[in-house]
Amino acid sequence: MTSPVLQLQGLVAGYPDRPLTLELNLELPAGARLGIIGGNGSGKTTLMRTLLGLIPPLRGGLKWRDGTSLGYVPQENQVDMLFPLSVFDLLKMGAFGRLPRFRRGSKALDGELRAVLEELEILPLKDALLRDLSGGEKQRALIGRAWVGRPQALL
């Protein structure tokens, strides 16, 4: 049996004057999907930042399986929407970290990107500029960018 991708043991996320979660205990196996829901200000983003190692936990521990690659889609957009970038080019940029330079313009990569766009139901938008998309369409495109990097965990 393989070890879990993520283990939380009594993890409390938040700030010294304001804990935002109860103690969390979790073993997340490879391939699992987990949703985090809650109201505004309930600590969802703080928990994500804790899982990414950007904020230390208040108590308890978290351990990613050694060598786990992470992908992250922030709540706030990190792409300059005035830059004339198409959805397809955005996804292509997401694959750069895992591909040698000579493969970045390959037909195989183009086919992979089309499959991701199809899965996210935004293939008809592949040539659209990011600045022309709705908020939900932009978020799907950003998820696609993270996905094509083939992370073992996508937050």
Foldseek 3Di string as FASTA:
>chain_A
DDFAQKFWAQFWFDDPVDTQDGGDTDGHHFPDDDDDDDDPPNCPVRVVCCVVVNGPTPDTDMDGPPPFFEFEQDPDDPDDLVPFDALQRLLLVLQVVPDDPVCSPPPVVVVVLLVLCVVLVNNVRRGPRLNPDDPVSNSSSSQSSRVNNPGSYYD
